[in-house]
Each structure stands twice: as structure tokens, then as C-alpha cells.
Amino acid sequence: MPGCLAWVYLPARRPPPTPWRPGSPRLRAICASPGRIFPLSGLKKMKICFLAGTLGQGGAERQLFYQVSALQRVGALPFIVAFAQDEFWEGRLKALGIPVYALPVQSRQLKRLWFAAKIIRRERPVVIQAAHFYVNLYAWLLARLLGSREVGAVRSNGFQDVSEMGRWSGRGSLLFPRILAVNSRAGLDNLEKMGRTRQSMVYLPNAVDAERFFPADQAPADAQRLIMVGRMSEPKRFDLFLRIVAELNGQGLPVMGHLVGDGPLRPALERLALDLGLGPDRARFHGAVENAEVLFRQARLCLHISDWEGMPNTALEAMACGLPVIASRVGGLAELIQDEKTGYLISPGDFEDLLASVVRLIRDEGLRRSMGRQAREYVLKQHDLSMLPDRLLEIYRAAGA
């Protein structure tokens, strides 16, 4: 939601006494302790507002769901203010008992800001946390107006976030929030080059539900299945995936490609599949699905060959399901995939290297299984949902320090 934000005057009203109101002595005492993380028990009844641009079926929204669920489990009181209505995650969040205030979609920026301010002023959260980069300015402005602490979000490689917002809104969204939660180390490095200090950013890697995403008891006995999941847009390179599937079948390796997701390029990709001689028995388009874990468990390996990335959920989910991942050496993928241990890293768009990596894993079942096992072990150690509360608490301490 690029564009300028207008200032809104809200008449002051003295809040009732509460130990967790913004700026309270209890909060200041905890935040002032250097190097200390809030104890989990200290989060009980602490209100945290998540500001979301959308609750659609995307990776950032799934992470939002994970974060508010984790906070709810340790006794915090998260709620969501969303600039959209009746989207995918809204009902699921409400089913958990998490309040969701969905604002009118057609309202202008000033009116949207006014609605959000009324809700937040009534709820009085300690922290206002942006779920998307393009609502960072809203979080910053509302926090400054209403006396909360703001946390901004960066969910891509940093450069992409700023360029999509435009020069002024992008720079403001980058520099104004007192703390940024960044989901990849590549993003941290890029943002530092653009003017953020390392002390004003906190690493918040994506998490995955390892109880939902788990390996199959045994691999399918039919044709080798390759899977790629994501939005069908140009940077994701589904076209390269189809060409790999066609080349493998042309070499006499019976491979079936599963393409999961939707997007503007889907019609063109379906035409490309036919042009490459890939019928439904060799390339299957599933569209957007809610049960991607079932498809992961039916596959042998996963490809994630984008031209640029933050930290994609789909790579983590594939690894949790015991699949080795062949990925481009970009963004958060370069830190997720341990080359030649949990998968392979290739240069973006390198067809020959990609083909050789896929062939190696297809022909060596023992290597594929070993990489898949190590991939799941890595996810359990570094990205399990159980780690979210402590990581979020570190961010809130930094925002209040």
C-alpha cells in the first residue's frame, strides 16, 4: 500500500491503571535489563497488535498465524488489525479465539488509518507489529500517536521490498520503525547497506509446523516425482522446472513434475508444458492447495529455483517432510540449504547445474534419503514452532529498550 500517510489528531484520554500499559514501570524495568529476554510468564495478558495488509493465502500470512498462535499459547493477548476482509486466514484465526478486526477494503488510506487508530486506542497494546513491509509506516505512525512500541517487518531480501514501495515510501518503511524483524540473514546484510544499523534489526527466521509436515513412511513406488510450490510469477522460474522435467523424460528418466500454486503466469506455463510434450501424466498443475504436506510426502525431491527470495516457507516445509531441496543460491535459501548435505545450491538460472543435481539424486536413492533425513533434522533444530515465543520476546525487548 504505497503512498503518503496523513497525520491524524486523536484527543488524549487517560487510560485506566494497568501494569502492562505502554510505558509502564513494569515494562520499562524489563526492557532496561541488557541482554535479558522477557520471561515467558511475563507475557501473560500482554496485548500485542499485529497489523496486516492482507490475510490471504501467502507465506507471510502463514507466519503471522504461527506467531499469534505461539503468543496465545504462552498467555499473551494478540489481536489483528487487517486492511482486508473475508480472506483465507481470517476464519482460522477467529477459530483460535484471536480477535481479528478486518477494515473496509475500499476505504481510503486516511480513513483506514482512522479506523485502525480507533481500535488500537481502545485495545491499548504494548507492541504494534507489522506483518508486511508495506504496513511498516502505519505501524510506526500508530505507535507514535498512541504510545505503543512498533516493530516493522522485512520478509524479502530488503532491496525488493524497498523498490516495490517506491523511493520515499520504501525508504520511510525501511528507516522509521525503531525495530525491524527480518526473516533472513541476507536481508539483514542488505538492509545494513541501505542505512539500518545492525542493532535496530532482529533476526526472525520463518518457522514450520513439523507435526503437520513430516516424512512419508516410504517413498512412492511409481515414477520419480519432483515438486515445486509457489506463486506462478516470473521470478519463481516455473518455466525452468518444466524444462527440467521435459529434459529428464527425454533422457529416458520417467519423471513427473507437480506444480503447486497459482498466479498470473499459470496459463502461459500450461501452454509451455504442452509445447514441451508434457501431458497430464508428466506435468500436473494442482493450483493453490491447503494440504501441500500430502503432495510433499508423495514426492522424491523439491526444487526452489527463484531468481530472488527471502526465506520461503515451501523450502522449510519440504525439508520438514524429509525432502532434499535443490535451490538457487539467493536470499534466505542460501542459509537454509546446506550444500551437498540437505540439498544442492545452484546459481540462478543455471540449467546444466540444476539438471546434473536432479539426476544425481534420482539415481542415488541412498544419497537422497540421507539428505532428506538431515534436512528434517536441521528444521527441527532451527525452525520448529516451539522456538517462536523466545524469538518474539527478544524482538519485544529490543523494541522497548
Protein backbone atom coordinates (compact mmCIF):
# COMPACT_ATOMS: atom_id res chain seq x y z
CA MET A 1 0.00 0.00 0.00
CA PRO A 2 2.46 2.61 -1.14
CA GLY A 3 1.70 6.26 -0.72
CA CYS A 4 1.84 9.07 1.77
CA LEU A 5 0.22 8.88 5.16
CA ALA A 6 -1.58 11.79 6.74
CA TRP A 7 -1.34 12.72 10.41
CA VAL A 8 -4.47 12.16 12.47
CA TYR A 9 -5.26 14.05 15.65
CA LEU A 10 -6.69 11.86 18.40
CA PRO A 11 -7.80 13.54 21.61
CA ALA A 12 -5.95 12.19 24.61
CA ARG A 13 -7.80 10.10 27.14
CA ARG A 14 -6.21 8.89 30.33
CA PRO A 15 -6.18 5.08 30.40
CA PRO A 16 -7.18 3.09 33.46
CA PRO A 17 -4.21 1.87 35.53
CA THR A 18 -2.76 -1.38 34.20
CA PRO A 19 0.64 -2.98 34.80
CA TRP A 20 1.10 -3.57 31.07
CA ARG A 21 0.13 -0.24 29.55
CA PRO A 22 2.75 1.21 27.18
CA GLY A 23 5.49 2.97 29.11
CA SER A 24 4.52 1.39 32.43
CA PRO A 25 7.23 0.97 35.10
CA ARG A 26 6.98 -2.82 34.85
CA LEU A 27 7.60 -2.75 31.10
CA ARG A 28 10.47 -0.25 31.42
CA ALA A 29 12.14 -2.33 34.12
CA ILE A 30 12.08 -5.48 32.00
CA CYS A 31 13.17 -3.69 28.83
CA ALA A 32 16.01 -1.87 30.56
CA SER A 33 17.82 -5.07 31.50
CA PRO A 34 20.52 -5.51 28.81
CA GLY A 35 20.83 -8.94 27.29
CA ARG A 36 17.76 -10.22 29.09
CA ILE A 37 14.76 -11.76 27.36
CA PHE A 38 11.26 -11.42 28.81
CA PRO A 39 10.37 -14.49 30.86
CA LEU A 40 7.53 -16.38 29.21
CA SER A 41 5.40 -15.92 32.32
CA GLY A 42 5.82 -12.16 31.94
CA LEU A 43 3.87 -12.20 28.69
CA LYS A 44 0.62 -13.22 30.31
CA LYS A 45 -2.13 -10.75 29.46
CA MET A 46 0.29 -8.61 27.44
CA LYS A 47 -1.54 -7.17 24.43
CA ILE A 48 0.18 -7.26 21.05
CA CYS A 49 -1.38 -5.84 17.90
CA PHE A 50 -0.40 -7.35 14.55
CA LEU A 51 -1.04 -5.01 11.63
CA ALA A 52 -1.62 -6.97 8.41
CA GLY A 53 -2.08 -5.72 4.87
CA THR A 54 -3.78 -8.97 3.88
CA LEU A 55 -4.81 -12.31 5.37
CA GLY A 56 -4.63 -14.11 2.05
CA GLN A 57 -3.06 -17.49 1.36
CA GLY A 58 0.58 -16.42 1.37
CA GLY A 59 3.79 -17.20 3.21
CA ALA A 60 3.84 -14.04 5.33
CA GLU A 61 0.27 -14.72 6.42
CA ARG A 62 1.10 -18.30 7.42
CA GLN A 63 3.96 -16.98 9.57
CA LEU A 64 1.55 -14.46 11.10
CA PHE A 65 -0.75 -17.35 12.04
CA TYR A 66 2.17 -19.23 13.61
CA GLN A 67 3.30 -16.17 15.59
CA VAL A 68 -0.06 -15.23 17.10
CA SER A 69 -0.73 -18.90 17.92
CA ALA A 70 2.62 -19.14 19.72
CA LEU A 71 1.95 -15.97 21.70
CA GLN A 72 -1.53 -17.15 22.64
CA ARG A 73 -0.10 -20.42 23.98
CA VAL A 74 2.16 -18.59 26.45
CA GLY A 75 -0.66 -16.40 27.73
CA ALA A 76 -0.25 -13.24 25.66
CA LEU A 77 -3.26 -11.45 24.17
CA PRO A 78 -2.54 -10.94 20.47
CA PHE A 79 -5.08 -9.40 18.14
CA ILE A 80 -5.02 -8.48 14.46
CA VAL A 81 -5.99 -5.37 12.56
CA ALA A 82 -6.20 -6.28 8.87
CA PHE A 83 -6.62 -3.98 5.88
CA ALA A 84 -8.75 -6.61 4.12
CA GLN A 85 -11.92 -8.60 4.76
CA ASP A 86 -13.06 -12.23 4.43
CA GLU A 87 -9.67 -13.63 3.40
CA PHE A 88 -8.16 -17.08 3.86
CA TRP A 89 -6.66 -16.78 7.36
CA GLU A 90 -9.36 -14.63 8.95
CA GLY A 91 -11.68 -17.51 9.83
CA ARG A 92 -8.82 -19.72 11.01
CA LEU A 93 -7.55 -17.04 13.36
CA LYS A 94 -11.00 -16.39 14.75
CA ALA A 95 -11.44 -20.13 15.32
CA LEU A 96 -8.48 -19.94 17.73
CA GLY A 97 -10.23 -17.17 19.63
CA ILE A 98 -7.89 -14.46 18.32
CA PRO A 99 -9.72 -11.17 17.67
CA VAL A 100 -9.50 -10.03 14.05
CA TYR A 101 -10.59 -6.52 13.12
CA ALA A 102 -10.97 -6.50 9.33
CA LEU A 103 -11.17 -2.97 7.94
CA PRO A 104 -13.17 -1.97 4.84
CA VAL A 105 -11.17 -2.80 1.73
CA GLN A 106 -12.36 0.17 -0.32
CA SER A 107 -11.63 2.83 2.28
CA ARG A 108 -9.00 5.48 1.59
CA GLN A 109 -5.68 5.48 3.41
CA LEU A 110 -6.70 8.24 5.83
CA LYS A 111 -9.98 6.52 6.68
CA ARG A 112 -8.22 3.18 7.05
CA LEU A 113 -5.72 4.77 9.41
CA TRP A 114 -8.54 6.35 11.40
CA PHE A 115 -10.36 3.01 11.81
CA ALA A 116 -7.14 1.29 12.88
CA ALA A 117 -6.35 4.08 15.36
CA LYS A 118 -9.78 3.79 17.00
CA ILE A 119 -9.36 0.04 17.50
CA ILE A 120 -5.79 0.26 18.77
CA ARG A 121 -6.59 3.18 21.07
CA ARG A 122 -9.35 1.10 22.65
CA GLU A 123 -7.25 -2.08 22.98
CA ARG A 124 -4.05 -0.31 24.12
CA PRO A 125 -1.42 -2.86 23.03
CA VAL A 126 2.14 -2.68 24.29
CA VAL A 127 3.50 -3.52 20.83
CA ILE A 128 2.23 -2.86 17.31
CA GLN A 129 3.92 -5.33 14.98
CA ALA A 130 3.73 -5.12 11.18
CA ALA A 131 3.15 -8.40 9.37
CA HIS A 132 4.17 -6.94 5.98
CA PHE A 133 6.77 -4.41 4.91
CA TYR A 134 4.18 -2.18 3.24
CA VAL A 135 2.36 -1.56 6.55
CA ASN A 136 5.54 -0.55 8.41
CA LEU A 137 4.67 3.15 8.12
CA TYR A 138 1.20 2.51 9.54
CA ALA A 139 2.70 0.62 12.49
CA TRP A 140 5.24 3.38 13.11
CA LEU A 141 2.72 6.21 12.94
CA LEU A 142 0.06 4.47 15.05
CA ALA A 143 2.62 3.50 17.69
CA ARG A 144 3.93 7.06 17.94
CA LEU A 145 0.42 8.51 18.14
CA LEU A 146 -0.85 6.03 20.72
CA GLY A 147 2.21 5.38 22.88
CA SER A 148 2.97 1.78 21.86
CA ARG A 149 6.23 0.21 20.64
CA GLU A 150 6.42 -0.55 16.92
CA VAL A 151 8.09 -3.48 15.17
CA GLY A 152 8.46 -3.37 11.39
CA ALA A 153 8.76 -6.37 9.08
CA VAL A 154 11.04 -7.30 6.19
CA ARG A 155 10.07 -10.56 4.51
CA SER A 156 12.09 -10.48 1.31
CA ASN A 157 15.70 -9.63 0.50
CA GLY A 158 15.32 -5.98 1.52
CA PHE A 159 16.12 -4.47 -1.88
CA GLN A 160 12.94 -5.91 -3.36
CA ASP A 161 10.75 -4.60 -0.53
CA VAL A 162 12.03 -1.04 -0.90
CA SER A 163 11.88 -0.97 -4.70
CA GLU A 164 8.27 -2.21 -4.79
CA MET A 165 7.16 0.55 -2.40
CA GLY A 166 8.76 3.40 -4.32
CA ARG A 167 11.57 5.70 -3.28
CA TRP A 168 10.01 7.72 -0.47
CA SER A 169 7.53 5.24 0.99
CA GLY A 170 10.10 2.47 0.68
CA ARG A 171 12.81 4.41 2.47
CA GLY A 172 10.39 5.50 5.18
CA SER A 173 9.17 1.94 5.70
CA LEU A 174 12.80 0.87 5.99
CA LEU A 175 14.12 3.58 8.30
CA PHE A 176 11.26 4.81 10.51
CA PRO A 177 10.33 1.75 12.68
CA ARG A 178 12.51 1.54 15.77
CA ILE A 179 12.99 -2.23 15.29
CA LEU A 180 12.77 -4.40 12.18
CA ALA A 181 12.08 -8.13 12.33
CA VAL A 182 13.96 -9.63 9.37
CA ASN A 183 13.47 -13.23 8.26
CA SER A 184 16.82 -13.85 6.54
CA ARG A 185 20.45 -13.06 7.25
CA ALA A 186 20.82 -11.93 3.65
CA GLY A 187 18.09 -9.39 4.38
CA LEU A 188 20.00 -8.16 7.44
CA ASP A 189 23.13 -7.62 5.35
CA ASN A 190 21.22 -5.83 2.58
CA LEU A 191 19.34 -3.55 4.98
CA GLU A 192 22.58 -2.57 6.69
CA LYS A 193 23.90 -1.45 3.30
CA MET A 194 20.76 0.69 2.91
CA GLY A 195 21.22 2.54 6.18
CA ARG A 196 19.78 0.45 9.02
CA THR A 197 22.05 -0.28 11.96
CA ARG A 198 22.50 -3.92 12.92
CA GLN A 199 21.41 -3.05 16.49
CA SER A 200 18.00 -1.90 15.21
CA MET A 201 17.22 -5.22 13.49
CA VAL A 202 16.41 -8.66 14.91
CA TYR A 203 16.62 -11.94 13.04
CA LEU A 204 13.25 -13.72 13.00
CA PRO A 205 13.53 -16.78 10.74
CA ASN A 206 10.42 -18.49 9.46
CA ALA A 207 9.03 -21.38 11.47
CA VAL A 208 7.40 -24.59 10.29
CA ASP A 209 4.86 -26.92 11.88
CA ALA A 210 6.90 -30.13 12.00
CA GLU A 211 3.95 -32.08 13.43
CA ARG A 212 1.96 -31.36 10.29
CA PHE A 213 4.85 -31.55 7.83
CA PHE A 214 6.53 -34.91 8.40
CA PRO A 215 8.09 -37.55 6.12
CA ALA A 216 6.19 -40.38 4.45
CA ASP A 217 6.72 -43.89 5.80
CA GLN A 218 8.03 -44.91 2.39
CA ALA A 219 8.62 -43.25 -0.96
CA PRO A 220 6.03 -43.81 -3.73
CA ALA A 221 6.85 -46.73 -5.99
CA ASP A 222 5.74 -45.13 -9.27
CA ALA A 223 7.56 -42.54 -11.38
CA GLN A 224 10.00 -40.16 -9.72
CA ARG A 225 8.03 -37.14 -8.58
CA LEU A 226 9.53 -33.67 -8.48
CA ILE A 227 7.61 -30.89 -6.78
CA MET A 228 7.75 -27.12 -6.92
CA VAL A 229 5.46 -24.91 -4.84
CA GLY A 230 4.95 -21.17 -5.03
CA ARG A 231 3.26 -18.28 -6.75
CA MET A 232 3.39 -18.66 -10.51
CA SER A 233 5.16 -15.40 -11.28
CA GLU A 234 8.26 -14.68 -13.32
CA PRO A 235 10.88 -14.66 -10.51
CA LYS A 236 9.88 -18.16 -9.32
CA ARG A 237 11.05 -19.81 -12.58
CA PHE A 238 8.40 -22.50 -13.01
CA ASP A 239 9.36 -22.39 -16.69
CA LEU A 240 12.80 -23.76 -15.81
CA PHE A 241 11.17 -26.50 -13.73
CA LEU A 242 9.10 -27.61 -16.75
CA ARG A 243 12.16 -27.66 -19.00
CA ILE A 244 13.99 -29.86 -16.49
CA VAL A 245 11.06 -32.30 -16.39
CA ALA A 246 10.97 -32.41 -20.20
CA GLU A 247 14.74 -32.96 -20.45
CA LEU A 248 14.71 -35.80 -17.91
CA ASN A 249 11.91 -37.60 -19.72
CA GLY A 250 13.76 -37.06 -22.98
CA GLN A 251 16.79 -38.80 -21.45
CA GLY A 252 14.69 -41.83 -20.55
CA LEU A 253 14.20 -40.97 -16.87
CA PRO A 254 10.45 -41.25 -16.13
CA VAL A 255 9.81 -38.13 -14.07
CA MET A 256 6.55 -36.42 -13.17
CA GLY A 257 6.51 -32.74 -12.26
CA HIS A 258 3.99 -31.45 -9.72
CA LEU A 259 3.40 -27.69 -9.93
CA VAL A 260 1.58 -26.35 -6.87
CA GLY A 261 0.31 -22.80 -6.67
CA ASP A 262 -1.40 -20.21 -8.79
CA GLY A 263 -0.60 -16.85 -10.28
CA PRO A 264 -0.55 -14.69 -13.40
CA LEU A 265 1.76 -17.00 -15.37
CA ARG A 266 -0.25 -20.18 -14.95
CA PRO A 267 -1.94 -20.06 -18.41
CA ALA A 268 1.42 -19.44 -20.11
CA LEU A 269 3.03 -22.27 -18.12
CA GLU A 270 0.26 -24.68 -19.09
CA ARG A 271 0.87 -23.81 -22.75
CA LEU A 272 4.61 -24.27 -22.28
CA ALA A 273 4.04 -27.73 -20.79
CA LEU A 274 2.09 -28.78 -23.90
CA ASP A 275 4.74 -27.29 -26.19
CA LEU A 276 7.36 -29.38 -24.37
CA GLY A 277 5.29 -32.53 -24.84
CA LEU A 278 4.35 -32.80 -21.18
CA GLY A 279 0.83 -34.13 -20.82
CA PRO A 280 -1.06 -34.55 -17.52
CA ASP A 281 0.89 -37.76 -16.86
CA ARG A 282 4.18 -35.81 -16.84
CA ALA A 283 3.25 -32.32 -15.57
CA ARG A 284 0.33 -31.80 -13.21
CA PHE A 285 -0.93 -28.35 -12.22
CA HIS A 286 -2.59 -28.52 -8.80
CA GLY A 287 -3.38 -24.85 -8.25
CA ALA A 288 -3.38 -23.43 -4.73
CA VAL A 289 -3.92 -26.18 -2.15
CA GLU A 290 -4.35 -26.33 1.62
CA ASN A 291 -2.74 -29.75 2.04
CA ALA A 292 0.68 -29.27 0.44
CA GLU A 293 2.14 -31.68 3.00
CA VAL A 294 0.34 -34.57 1.27
CA LEU A 295 1.98 -33.69 -2.04
CA PHE A 296 5.38 -33.27 -0.39
CA ARG A 297 5.12 -36.77 1.09
CA GLN A 298 4.39 -38.18 -2.37
CA ALA A 299 7.46 -36.53 -3.92
CA ARG A 300 11.13 -37.52 -4.08
CA LEU A 301 12.70 -34.06 -4.10
CA CYS A 302 11.75 -30.39 -4.18
CA LEU A 303 13.02 -27.61 -6.43
CA HIS A 304 13.05 -23.95 -5.37
CA ILE A 305 14.83 -22.12 -8.17
CA SER A 306 13.73 -18.49 -7.81
CA ASP A 307 15.74 -15.57 -9.11
CA TRP A 308 15.41 -13.87 -5.70
CA GLU A 309 13.92 -14.84 -2.33
CA GLY A 310 13.55 -14.02 1.33
CA MET A 311 13.09 -17.18 3.40
CA PRO A 312 10.42 -19.27 1.65
CA ASN A 313 8.02 -21.37 3.70
CA THR A 314 7.82 -24.00 0.99
CA ALA A 315 11.50 -24.91 1.24
CA LEU A 316 11.17 -25.37 5.01
CA GLU A 317 8.01 -27.44 4.61
CA ALA A 318 9.65 -29.71 2.04
CA MET A 319 12.65 -30.21 4.32
CA ALA A 320 10.36 -31.00 7.27
CA CYS A 321 8.77 -33.68 5.07
CA GLY A 322 12.19 -35.26 4.56
CA LEU A 323 12.86 -33.99 1.04
CA PRO A 324 16.23 -32.73 -0.19
CA VAL A 325 15.84 -29.30 -1.79
CA ILE A 326 17.66 -28.06 -4.88
CA ALA A 327 17.59 -24.29 -4.69
CA SER A 328 19.03 -21.11 -6.14
CA ARG A 329 21.84 -19.55 -4.13
CA VAL A 330 19.83 -16.40 -3.33
CA GLY A 331 18.46 -14.71 -0.21
CA GLY A 332 17.42 -16.95 2.66
CA LEU A 333 17.71 -20.10 0.53
CA ALA A 334 21.50 -19.86 0.78
CA GLU A 335 21.28 -20.15 4.57
CA LEU A 336 18.51 -22.78 4.65
CA ILE A 337 20.12 -25.29 2.29
CA GLN A 338 23.42 -26.81 3.35
CA ASP A 339 25.04 -27.55 0.01
CA GLU A 340 25.66 -31.28 -0.55
CA LYS A 341 24.22 -32.06 2.89
CA THR A 342 20.50 -31.18 2.85
CA GLY A 343 20.31 -30.46 -0.88
CA TYR A 344 22.15 -28.55 -3.58
CA LEU A 345 22.63 -24.85 -4.21
CA ILE A 346 22.95 -23.65 -7.80
CA SER A 347 23.45 -20.31 -9.49
CA PRO A 348 20.10 -18.75 -10.50
CA GLY A 349 19.04 -19.94 -13.95
CA ASP A 350 21.92 -22.44 -14.36
CA PHE A 351 20.12 -25.16 -16.34
CA GLU A 352 23.07 -27.56 -16.63
CA ASP A 353 23.96 -27.49 -12.93
CA LEU A 354 20.31 -27.88 -11.99
CA LEU A 355 19.88 -30.84 -14.33
CA ALA A 356 23.03 -32.56 -13.02
CA SER A 357 21.88 -32.11 -9.40
CA VAL A 358 18.44 -33.58 -10.10
CA VAL A 359 19.90 -36.56 -11.99
CA ARG A 360 22.34 -37.26 -9.16
CA LEU A 361 19.55 -37.50 -6.59
CA ILE A 362 17.24 -39.51 -8.84
CA ARG A 363 19.91 -42.12 -9.48
CA ASP A 364 21.27 -42.33 -5.92
CA GLU A 365 18.43 -43.34 -3.60
CA GLY A 366 20.74 -43.64 -0.59
CA LEU A 367 22.04 -40.10 -1.06
CA ARG A 368 18.52 -38.76 -1.48
CA ARG A 369 17.34 -40.42 1.74
CA SER A 370 20.40 -39.23 3.68
CA MET A 371 19.93 -35.63 2.54
CA GLY A 372 16.23 -35.75 3.33
CA ARG A 373 16.89 -37.06 6.83
CA GLN A 374 19.45 -34.33 7.52
CA ALA A 375 17.07 -31.72 6.11
CA ARG A 376 14.38 -32.62 8.63
CA GLU A 377 16.90 -32.71 11.49
CA TYR A 378 18.03 -29.20 10.57
CA VAL A 379 14.46 -27.88 10.53
CA LEU A 380 13.70 -29.39 13.94
CA LYS A 381 16.80 -27.76 15.43
CA GLN A 382 16.48 -24.33 13.85
CA HIS A 383 12.91 -23.64 12.68
CA ASP A 384 10.46 -25.52 14.88
CA LEU A 385 7.37 -23.67 16.11
CA SER A 386 8.47 -24.16 19.71
CA MET A 387 11.24 -21.59 19.15
CA LEU A 388 8.89 -18.75 18.21
CA PRO A 389 7.97 -17.42 21.69
CA ASP A 390 11.58 -16.80 22.73
CA ARG A 391 12.41 -15.20 19.39
CA LEU A 392 9.40 -12.90 19.56
CA LEU A 393 10.22 -11.96 23.12
CA GLU A 394 13.72 -10.95 22.08
CA ILE A 395 12.19 -8.61 19.50
CA TYR A 396 9.84 -7.02 22.03
CA ARG A 397 12.69 -6.49 24.47
CA ALA A 398 14.67 -4.78 21.72
CA ALA A 399 11.68 -2.60 20.81
CA GLY A 400 11.31 -1.44 24.40
CA ALA A 401 14.99 -1.00 25.25
